C-alpha cells in the first residue's frame, strides 16, 4: 500500500511548533485593507495557535 499524502492545503496553512502546537495565520488580512485600522492590521499580522477543538482535525489533515 502506498504512503498517505498530506493534504496540500493544510501543509500551506499550518506549521508545527517545537512543542507540537499548531500555528496558523489570522483571516481578514488578504485584501480590502484600506478601511481597516493600522492597529487591526498589525494584530492580524501575528500568528495564532490553533484552538484545542480544531487541533484533532488539523493534525489528521497533516497526518500527525
N, C-alpha and C. Protein backbone atom coordinates (compact mmCIF):
# COMPACT_ATOMS: atom_id res chain seq x y z
N UNK A 1 0.84 -1.19 0.00
CA UNK A 1 0.00 0.00 0.00
C UNK A 1 0.89 1.25 0.00
N UNK A 2 0.58 2.25 -0.84
CA UNK A 2 1.41 3.46 -0.89
C UNK A 2 1.23 4.33 0.35
N UNK A 3 2.18 5.22 0.54
CA UNK A 3 2.12 6.14 1.68
C UNK A 3 0.94 7.10 1.51
N UNK A 4 0.39 7.53 2.64
CA UNK A 4 -0.68 8.53 2.63
C UNK A 4 -0.08 9.90 2.35
N UNK A 5 -0.75 10.67 1.53
CA UNK A 5 -0.27 12.01 1.22
C UNK A 5 -0.88 13.03 2.18
N UNK A 6 -0.07 14.00 2.60
CA UNK A 6 -0.55 15.12 3.41
C UNK A 6 -1.41 16.00 2.52
N UNK A 7 -2.48 16.56 3.09
CA UNK A 7 -3.33 17.50 2.34
C UNK A 7 -2.53 18.76 2.06
N UNK A 8 -2.37 19.10 0.79
CA UNK A 8 -1.53 20.23 0.40
C UNK A 8 -2.04 21.56 0.96
N UNK A 9 -3.36 21.72 1.03
CA UNK A 9 -3.92 22.97 1.56
C UNK A 9 -3.53 23.16 3.02
N UNK A 10 -3.58 22.09 3.80
CA UNK A 10 -3.22 22.16 5.22
C UNK A 10 -1.72 22.40 5.38
N UNK A 11 -0.93 21.78 4.52
CA UNK A 11 0.52 21.93 4.57
C UNK A 11 0.93 23.39 4.37
N UNK A 12 0.18 24.10 3.52
CA UNK A 12 0.48 25.50 3.23
C UNK A 12 0.00 26.44 4.34
N UNK A 13 -1.01 26.04 5.11
CA UNK A 13 -1.66 26.93 6.06
C UNK A 13 -1.22 26.78 7.51
N UNK A 14 -0.69 25.61 7.86
CA UNK A 14 -0.35 25.35 9.25
C UNK A 14 1.11 24.97 9.39
N UNK A 15 1.67 25.29 10.57
CA UNK A 15 3.07 24.99 10.86
C UNK A 15 3.14 24.43 12.27
N UNK A 16 3.94 23.40 12.47
CA UNK A 16 4.06 22.78 13.78
C UNK A 16 5.20 23.44 14.55
N UNK A 17 4.94 23.81 15.80
CA UNK A 17 5.96 24.43 16.63
C UNK A 17 6.83 23.35 17.25
N UNK A 18 7.87 23.74 17.93
CA UNK A 18 8.77 22.79 18.58
C UNK A 18 8.09 21.97 19.64
N UNK A 19 7.11 22.56 20.32
CA UNK A 19 6.40 21.84 21.39
C UNK A 19 5.22 21.03 20.86
N UNK A 20 5.01 21.05 19.53
CA UNK A 20 3.94 20.24 18.94
C UNK A 20 2.62 20.96 18.73
N UNK A 21 2.58 22.26 19.08
CA UNK A 21 1.36 23.04 18.83
C UNK A 21 1.31 23.42 17.36
N UNK A 22 0.13 23.84 16.90
CA UNK A 22 -0.05 24.21 15.50
C UNK A 22 -0.24 25.71 15.37
N UNK A 23 0.57 26.34 14.54
CA UNK A 23 0.45 27.77 14.29
C UNK A 23 -0.42 28.00 13.07
N UNK A 24 -1.17 29.10 13.07
CA UNK A 24 -2.00 29.48 11.93
C UNK A 24 -1.93 30.99 11.75
N UNK A 25 -2.34 31.45 10.59
CA UNK A 25 -2.42 32.89 10.35
C UNK A 25 -3.85 33.36 10.59
N UNK A 26 -3.99 34.66 10.84
CA UNK A 26 -5.32 35.24 11.01
C UNK A 26 -5.99 35.48 9.66
N UNK A 27 -7.30 35.42 9.65
CA UNK A 27 -8.07 35.74 8.46
C UNK A 27 -8.22 37.27 8.35
N UNK A 28 -8.80 37.73 7.27
CA UNK A 28 -9.11 39.16 7.03
C UNK A 28 -7.87 40.02 6.86
N UNK A 29 -6.77 39.45 6.42
CA UNK A 29 -5.57 40.25 6.20
C UNK A 29 -5.08 40.11 4.76
N UNK A 30 -5.95 39.67 3.87
CA UNK A 30 -5.55 39.44 2.49
C UNK A 30 -5.81 40.60 1.55
N UNK A 31 -6.95 41.24 1.70
CA UNK A 31 -7.31 42.35 0.80
C UNK A 31 -8.33 43.24 1.50
N UNK A 32 -8.72 44.32 0.82
CA UNK A 32 -9.60 45.36 1.39
C UNK A 32 -9.01 45.86 2.71
N UNK A 33 -7.74 46.29 2.65
CA UNK A 33 -7.04 46.69 3.86
C UNK A 33 -7.12 48.19 4.14
N UNK A 34 -7.59 48.97 3.17
CA UNK A 34 -7.61 50.43 3.34
C UNK A 34 -8.58 50.87 4.42
N UNK A 35 -9.68 50.17 4.59
CA UNK A 35 -10.67 50.58 5.58
C UNK A 35 -10.36 50.05 6.98
N UNK A 36 -9.37 49.17 7.10
CA UNK A 36 -9.01 48.61 8.40
C UNK A 36 -7.94 49.48 9.06
N UNK A 37 -8.04 49.62 10.36
CA UNK A 37 -7.09 50.47 11.09
C UNK A 37 -5.72 49.82 11.15
N UNK A 38 -4.71 50.65 11.36
CA UNK A 38 -3.33 50.15 11.46
C UNK A 38 -3.21 49.13 12.59
N UNK A 39 -3.86 49.43 13.72
CA UNK A 39 -3.80 48.54 14.88
C UNK A 39 -4.40 47.18 14.54
N UNK A 40 -5.54 47.19 13.85
CA UNK A 40 -6.21 45.95 13.49
C UNK A 40 -5.34 45.12 12.54
N UNK A 41 -4.76 45.78 11.54
CA UNK A 41 -3.90 45.09 10.57
C UNK A 41 -2.64 44.54 11.25
N UNK A 42 -2.09 45.31 12.18
CA UNK A 42 -0.89 44.89 12.90
C UNK A 42 -1.18 43.64 13.74
N UNK A 43 -2.32 43.63 14.40
CA UNK A 43 -2.69 42.47 15.22
C UNK A 43 -2.99 41.24 14.37
N UNK A 44 -3.52 41.44 13.17
CA UNK A 44 -3.80 40.32 12.28
C UNK A 44 -2.51 39.73 11.70
N UNK A 45 -1.44 40.49 11.75
CA UNK A 45 -0.17 40.07 11.17
C UNK A 45 0.50 38.96 11.99
N UNK A 46 0.20 38.91 13.30
CA UNK A 46 0.81 37.91 14.17
C UNK A 46 0.19 36.54 13.93
N UNK A 47 0.95 35.49 14.23
CA UNK A 47 0.39 34.15 14.11
C UNK A 47 -0.38 33.81 15.38
N UNK A 48 -1.26 32.82 15.26
CA UNK A 48 -2.05 32.37 16.40
C UNK A 48 -1.89 30.86 16.52
N UNK A 49 -2.32 30.32 17.65
CA UNK A 49 -2.29 28.88 17.88
C UNK A 49 -3.67 28.32 17.56
N UNK A 50 -3.70 27.16 16.92
CA UNK A 50 -4.97 26.51 16.58
C UNK A 50 -5.66 26.10 17.88
N UNK A 51 -6.97 26.33 17.95
CA UNK A 51 -7.74 26.01 19.14
C UNK A 51 -7.74 24.51 19.40
N UNK A 52 -7.91 24.15 20.66
CA UNK A 52 -7.91 22.75 21.08
C UNK A 52 -9.00 21.94 20.35
N UNK A 53 -10.16 22.57 20.14
CA UNK A 53 -11.28 21.88 19.50
C UNK A 53 -10.98 21.53 18.04
N UNK A 54 -10.16 22.34 17.38
CA UNK A 54 -9.86 22.11 15.96
C UNK A 54 -8.55 21.35 15.75
N UNK A 55 -7.79 21.18 16.81
CA UNK A 55 -6.46 20.61 16.69
C UNK A 55 -6.48 19.19 16.11
N UNK A 56 -7.45 18.38 16.54
CA UNK A 56 -7.54 16.99 16.10
C UNK A 56 -7.75 16.90 14.59
N UNK A 57 -8.61 17.76 14.07
CA UNK A 57 -8.93 17.75 12.64
C UNK A 57 -7.70 18.17 11.82
N UNK A 58 -7.02 19.22 12.27
CA UNK A 58 -5.85 19.72 11.54
C UNK A 58 -4.73 18.69 11.56
N UNK A 59 -4.51 18.05 12.70
CA UNK A 59 -3.48 17.02 12.79
C UNK A 59 -3.78 15.86 11.87
N UNK A 60 -5.04 15.55 11.70
CA UNK A 60 -5.45 14.47 10.78
C UNK A 60 -5.12 14.86 9.34
N UNK A 61 -5.36 16.12 9.00
CA UNK A 61 -5.04 16.60 7.64
C UNK A 61 -3.55 16.58 7.38
N UNK A 62 -2.76 16.82 8.43
CA UNK A 62 -1.30 16.83 8.30
C UNK A 62 -0.69 15.44 8.53
N UNK A 63 -1.54 14.46 8.81
CA UNK A 63 -1.11 13.08 9.08
C UNK A 63 -0.11 13.00 10.23
N UNK A 64 -0.47 13.62 11.34
CA UNK A 64 0.40 13.60 12.52
C UNK A 64 -0.08 12.54 13.49
